Each structure stands twice: as structure tokens, then as C-alpha cells.
Amino acid sequence: MPQLNPAPWFMIFLFVWTFFLTTMPGKIMTFSLNDSPTPKNIQKPKMAPWNWPWA
């Protein structure tokens, strides 16, 4: 049964993971998101004091 012999499968496993770790991040990072978040207003709004009618 070839499943019990780890020699060829371990090398296939290593080659596949080295392929994924070397080529795929570059391809994935080239995609740009269409809805990238941008801050609308950096300044905090100025809080106005509350005018109490009975004070």
C-alpha cells in the first residue's frame, strides 16, 4: 500500500507547500480591494454645551 510509505508523499507535500508559500502570496497581494476603507473625517467634532432651560 503506497499510503504507508511516507517517502514520496512527504516530498510532494514539501514541494506543494513551497510552491504555495513562494508564488501564491505575490499573486494574492496584487489584487486590490474596490472598497478600501478611507477615513471620512479625521477631526473630532466639537461638543457644544447643553443649555438647560431651568438653569
Foldseek 3Di string as FASTA:
>chain_A
DVVVPCVVVVVVVVVVVVCCVPPVVVVVVVDDDPCDDDDPDPDDDDDDDDDDPVD
